[in-house]
Protein backbone atom coordinates (compact mmCIF):
# COMPACT_ATOMS: atom_id res chain seq x y z
CA MET A 1 4.63 -13.84 1.76
CA ASN A 2 6.91 -13.09 4.70
CA TYR A 3 6.64 -9.51 5.89
CA HIS A 4 9.52 -8.20 8.00
CA ILE A 5 8.93 -4.91 9.79
CA LEU A 6 11.87 -2.92 11.13
CA GLY A 7 11.37 0.19 13.23
CA LEU A 8 10.97 1.66 16.70
CA PHE A 9 7.38 0.47 17.25
CA PRO A 10 6.90 -2.48 14.87
CA GLU A 11 4.77 -4.64 17.18
CA MET A 12 2.10 -1.95 17.47
CA LEU A 13 0.76 -3.34 14.19
CA ASP A 14 0.31 -6.93 15.37
CA HIS A 15 -3.27 -6.48 16.62
CA TYR A 16 -4.37 -5.08 13.26
CA PHE A 17 -2.60 -7.85 11.36
CA SER A 18 -4.47 -10.41 13.48
CA GLN A 19 -7.91 -9.16 12.44
CA SER A 20 -10.30 -9.61 9.52
CA LEU A 21 -8.86 -10.47 6.09
CA LEU A 22 -5.23 -10.24 7.15
CA GLY A 23 -5.90 -12.36 10.22
CA LYS A 24 -7.50 -15.09 8.10
CA ALA A 25 -4.63 -15.00 5.62
CA ARG A 26 -2.25 -15.31 8.54
CA GLU A 27 -4.13 -18.32 9.92
CA LYS A 28 -3.94 -19.97 6.50
CA GLU A 29 -0.18 -19.27 6.51
CA LEU A 30 -0.48 -17.29 3.29
CA ILE A 31 1.35 -14.45 5.05
CA ALA A 32 3.61 -14.17 8.09
CA PHE A 33 4.95 -11.26 10.12
CA THR A 34 8.25 -10.82 11.92
CA TYR A 35 8.93 -7.66 13.93
CA HIS A 36 12.41 -6.25 14.39
CA GLN A 37 13.34 -3.55 16.92
CA LEU A 38 15.76 -1.09 15.36
CA ARG A 39 17.40 -0.39 18.73
CA ASP A 40 18.72 -3.96 18.77
CA TRP A 41 21.37 -2.77 16.31
CA ALA A 42 22.25 0.42 18.20
CA VAL A 43 25.98 1.05 18.48
CA ASN A 44 26.22 2.69 21.92
CA LYS A 45 25.16 1.91 25.47
CA HIS A 46 22.22 4.33 25.30
CA HIS A 47 20.76 2.42 22.33
CA ALA A 48 20.57 5.63 20.31
CA VAL A 49 19.37 5.21 16.74
CA ASP A 50 19.23 8.87 15.71
CA ASP A 51 21.08 12.17 15.90
CA LYS A 52 20.67 15.82 14.96
CA PRO A 53 20.82 16.63 11.24
CA TYR A 54 23.82 18.36 9.71
CA GLY A 55 22.89 21.81 8.46
CA GLY A 56 20.49 22.41 11.30
CA GLY A 57 16.74 22.09 11.45
CA ALA A 58 14.19 20.47 13.71
CA GLY A 59 13.90 16.76 14.39
CA MET A 60 16.29 13.83 14.35
CA VAL A 61 17.65 11.54 11.65
CA PHE A 62 18.19 7.77 11.80
CA LEU A 63 21.89 6.95 12.00
CA PRO A 64 23.31 5.35 8.83
CA GLU A 65 25.37 2.78 10.74
CA VAL A 66 22.34 1.48 12.65
CA VAL A 67 20.16 1.28 9.55
CA CYS A 68 22.81 -0.41 7.41
CA ARG A 69 23.76 -2.93 10.08
CA SER A 70 20.17 -3.91 10.75
CA VAL A 71 19.09 -4.22 7.12
CA ARG A 72 22.18 -6.16 6.05
CA ASP A 73 21.84 -8.49 9.00
CA LEU A 74 18.18 -9.18 8.28
CA LYS A 75 18.79 -9.69 4.56
CA GLU A 76 21.42 -12.28 5.32
CA LYS A 77 19.32 -14.14 7.89
CA HIS A 78 15.94 -14.05 6.15
CA SER A 79 16.67 -13.94 2.40
CA ILE A 80 14.87 -10.61 2.00
CA GLU A 81 13.97 -9.92 -1.64
CA ARG A 82 13.05 -6.25 -1.36
CA VAL A 83 13.78 -3.48 1.16
CA VAL A 84 11.11 -0.78 1.25
CA LEU A 85 11.40 2.48 3.17
CA THR A 86 8.09 4.14 4.01
CA SER A 87 8.66 7.81 3.31
CA PRO A 88 6.64 10.89 2.25
CA SER A 89 9.41 11.42 -0.33
CA GLY A 90 8.76 8.07 -1.96
CA LYS A 91 6.75 7.19 -5.04
CA LEU A 92 3.03 7.01 -4.42
CA LEU A 93 1.56 3.57 -3.73
CA THR A 94 -0.47 2.35 -6.70
CA PRO A 95 -2.38 -0.85 -7.50
CA ALA A 96 0.41 -1.77 -9.92
CA LYS A 97 3.04 -1.43 -7.19
CA ALA A 98 0.94 -3.42 -4.70
CA LYS A 99 0.48 -6.17 -7.28
CA GLU A 100 4.21 -6.20 -8.03
CA LEU A 101 5.15 -6.57 -4.36
CA SER A 102 2.60 -9.37 -3.90
CA SER A 103 4.62 -11.58 -6.25
CA LEU A 104 7.60 -11.57 -3.88
CA LYS A 105 8.25 -14.08 -1.10
CA SER A 106 9.74 -11.69 1.46
CA VAL A 107 9.78 -7.93 1.93
CA LEU A 108 11.45 -5.86 4.63
CA PHE A 109 9.72 -2.61 5.53
CA LEU A 110 11.91 0.02 7.18
CA CYS A 111 9.53 2.31 9.05
CA GLY A 112 10.70 5.89 8.78
CA ARG A 113 10.24 8.27 11.71
CA TYR A 114 11.33 11.71 12.88
CA GLU A 115 12.93 13.69 10.05
CA GLY A 116 13.82 10.53 8.18
CA VAL A 117 16.82 8.33 7.41
CA ASP A 118 20.38 9.38 6.59
CA GLN A 119 20.49 9.51 2.79
CA ARG A 120 23.66 7.40 2.69
CA ALA A 121 21.84 4.50 4.32
CA ILE A 122 19.01 4.86 1.82
CA ASP A 123 21.46 4.77 -1.07
CA LEU A 124 23.27 1.74 0.35
CA VAL A 125 20.56 -0.64 1.57
CA VAL A 126 17.09 0.55 0.49
CA ASP A 127 15.62 -0.70 -2.79
CA GLU A 128 12.75 1.74 -3.00
CA GLU A 129 10.81 4.37 -1.08
CA ILE A 130 7.01 4.29 -1.03
CA SER A 131 4.56 6.96 0.14
CA ILE A 132 0.88 6.39 0.90
CA GLY A 133 -0.10 9.99 0.17
CA ASP A 134 0.79 13.65 0.18
CA TYR A 135 0.56 14.18 3.91
CA ILE A 136 2.69 13.58 7.00
CA ILE A 137 1.98 11.04 9.76
CA SER A 138 3.91 10.38 12.95
CA GLY A 139 5.75 7.30 11.76
CA GLY A 140 6.14 4.74 9.02
CA GLU A 141 4.48 1.93 10.97
CA LEU A 142 1.01 3.05 9.92
CA ALA A 143 2.14 3.54 6.34
CA THR A 144 3.59 0.04 6.39
CA ALA A 145 0.24 -1.36 7.55
CA VAL A 146 -1.53 0.36 4.65
CA ILE A 147 0.95 -0.97 2.10
CA ILE A 148 0.82 -4.50 3.50
CA ASP A 149 -2.98 -4.47 3.47
CA ALA A 150 -3.00 -3.37 -0.18
CA VAL A 151 -0.35 -5.90 -1.19
CA THR A 152 -1.93 -8.84 0.63
CA ARG A 153 -5.20 -8.50 -1.28
CA TYR A 154 -3.37 -9.55 -4.45
CA ILE A 155 -1.92 -12.73 -2.96
CA PRO A 156 -3.83 -15.75 -4.36
CA GLY A 157 -6.23 -17.26 -1.86
CA VAL A 158 -6.53 -14.19 0.35
CA VAL A 159 -9.63 -12.58 -1.17
CA GLY A 160 -12.49 -14.99 -1.81
CA LYS A 161 -13.34 -13.77 -5.29
CA ASP A 162 -10.52 -12.40 -7.42
CA GLN A 163 -13.09 -10.34 -9.30
CA SER A 164 -13.81 -8.30 -6.17
CA VAL A 165 -10.20 -7.09 -6.24
CA ARG A 166 -10.28 -6.32 -9.96
CA LEU A 167 -13.45 -4.24 -9.64
CA GLU A 168 -12.32 -2.04 -6.76
CA SER A 169 -11.68 1.69 -7.07
CA HIS A 170 -8.38 2.61 -8.78
CA GLU A 171 -7.94 -0.86 -10.24
CA ASP A 172 -8.84 0.44 -13.72
CA VAL A 173 -8.13 4.13 -12.93
CA LEU A 174 -11.81 4.94 -12.36
CA LEU A 175 -13.34 5.14 -8.91
CA GLU A 176 -16.00 2.58 -8.03
CA HIS A 177 -19.67 3.17 -8.73
CA PRO A 178 -22.13 3.71 -5.83
CA HIS A 179 -23.38 0.60 -4.02
CA TYR A 180 -26.82 -0.18 -2.58
CA THR A 181 -28.37 -2.94 -0.48
CA ARG A 182 -31.64 -3.58 1.40
CA PRO A 183 -34.09 -2.02 2.06
CA GLU A 184 -35.21 -0.76 -1.35
CA VAL A 185 -36.39 2.50 0.25
CA PHE A 186 -34.60 4.14 3.18
CA GLU A 187 -35.71 7.51 4.59
CA ASN A 188 -37.57 8.24 1.33
CA MET A 189 -34.49 7.45 -0.75
CA SER A 190 -34.85 4.60 -3.26
CA VAL A 191 -32.38 2.26 -4.88
CA PRO A 192 -31.96 3.27 -8.57
CA ASP A 193 -34.49 1.45 -10.72
CA VAL A 194 -31.88 0.06 -13.08
CA LEU A 195 -30.33 -1.99 -10.27
CA MET A 196 -33.69 -3.64 -9.65
CA SER A 197 -34.29 -4.39 -13.34
CA GLY A 198 -32.34 -7.63 -13.58
CA HIS A 199 -30.98 -6.47 -16.93
CA HIS A 200 -27.27 -7.20 -16.61
CA GLN A 201 -26.08 -5.10 -19.55
CA LYS A 202 -28.08 -2.05 -18.45
CA ILE A 203 -26.73 -2.47 -14.92
CA ALA A 204 -23.15 -2.71 -16.20
CA ASP A 205 -23.65 0.39 -18.37
CA TRP A 206 -25.07 2.33 -15.42
CA GLN A 207 -22.20 1.29 -13.15
CA LYS A 208 -19.66 2.38 -15.74
CA GLU A 209 -21.44 5.70 -16.24
CA MET A 210 -21.52 6.34 -12.49
CA SER A 211 -17.83 5.43 -12.16
CA ILE A 212 -16.90 7.92 -14.86
CA ALA A 213 -19.07 10.67 -13.37
CA ARG A 214 -17.77 10.09 -9.83
CA THR A 215 -14.16 10.08 -10.99
CA LYS A 216 -14.62 13.27 -13.00
CA GLU A 217 -16.16 15.02 -9.98
CA ARG A 218 -13.90 13.74 -7.20
CA ARG A 219 -10.57 12.92 -8.87
CA PRO A 220 -10.04 14.98 -12.02
CA ASP A 221 -6.43 13.74 -12.12
CA LEU A 222 -7.63 10.14 -12.50
CA TYR A 223 -10.29 11.23 -14.98
CA GLU A 224 -7.55 12.72 -17.17
CA LYS A 225 -5.67 9.41 -17.01
CA TYR A 226 -8.87 7.62 -18.03
CA LEU A 227 -9.26 9.92 -21.05
CA ASP A 228 -5.62 9.38 -21.98
CA GLN A 229 -6.07 5.60 -21.80
CA ARG A 230 -9.13 5.76 -24.03
CA ALA A 231 -7.28 7.88 -26.56
CA ASP A 232 -4.34 5.48 -26.52
CA ALA A 233 -6.44 2.29 -26.78
CA PRO A 234 -6.70 2.18 -30.63
CA THR A 235 -2.92 2.51 -30.89
CA ARG A 236 -2.38 -0.33 -28.44
CA ARG A 237 -4.81 -2.57 -30.33
CA LEU A 238 -3.00 -1.93 -33.63
CA LYS A 239 0.35 -2.82 -32.02
CA GLU A 240 -1.13 -6.03 -30.63
CA LYS A 241 -2.27 -7.05 -34.09
């Protein structure tokens, strides 16, 4: 996977991308990063890439000419398959979306900043907008890092055991069950007996039960999805037959 990152501060992410799992994937040449400075496509001597919004309001908006020129140029030079704008107005990042993006060979991330990007540029050169949550951060560079981290985990050869990806929180709607390691007793708190039993089925049942309980308590929205999936399962099985 070739990740292309376009914005005002794209190289701020390079240190993070050189560490841990992403760093190892980079060393194996499973992924690669190219950073592009948006100001390189500025159209005036001051290298301006933004201007005040029509209709008033605080903040600045990325100029459509700069965005369109940069994206079109990069698509032509690097055979970009998908252009993603990081935006709080985008669709929420999900495991399904991360898995979908991981199947591509090259993605260009346009890092939003300020009040955003002129809508005409979005309509002309952006394939989709993705949000990492219902909150605002200073710029799309951090959002891009989160998306890339999530996507990279699905690329074959990046995570040692594919099962570890499949069992993570949100992968099957439910949150993950609690985890424990040594020592067996810590500050008078013991590891649940079932995990010490060696009985694989009982352990699996306990983990499932804890996942359901944790999801119901912490993410009632996901719990409702889980109930809907269970209700829909018989129908899906009949269709498959």
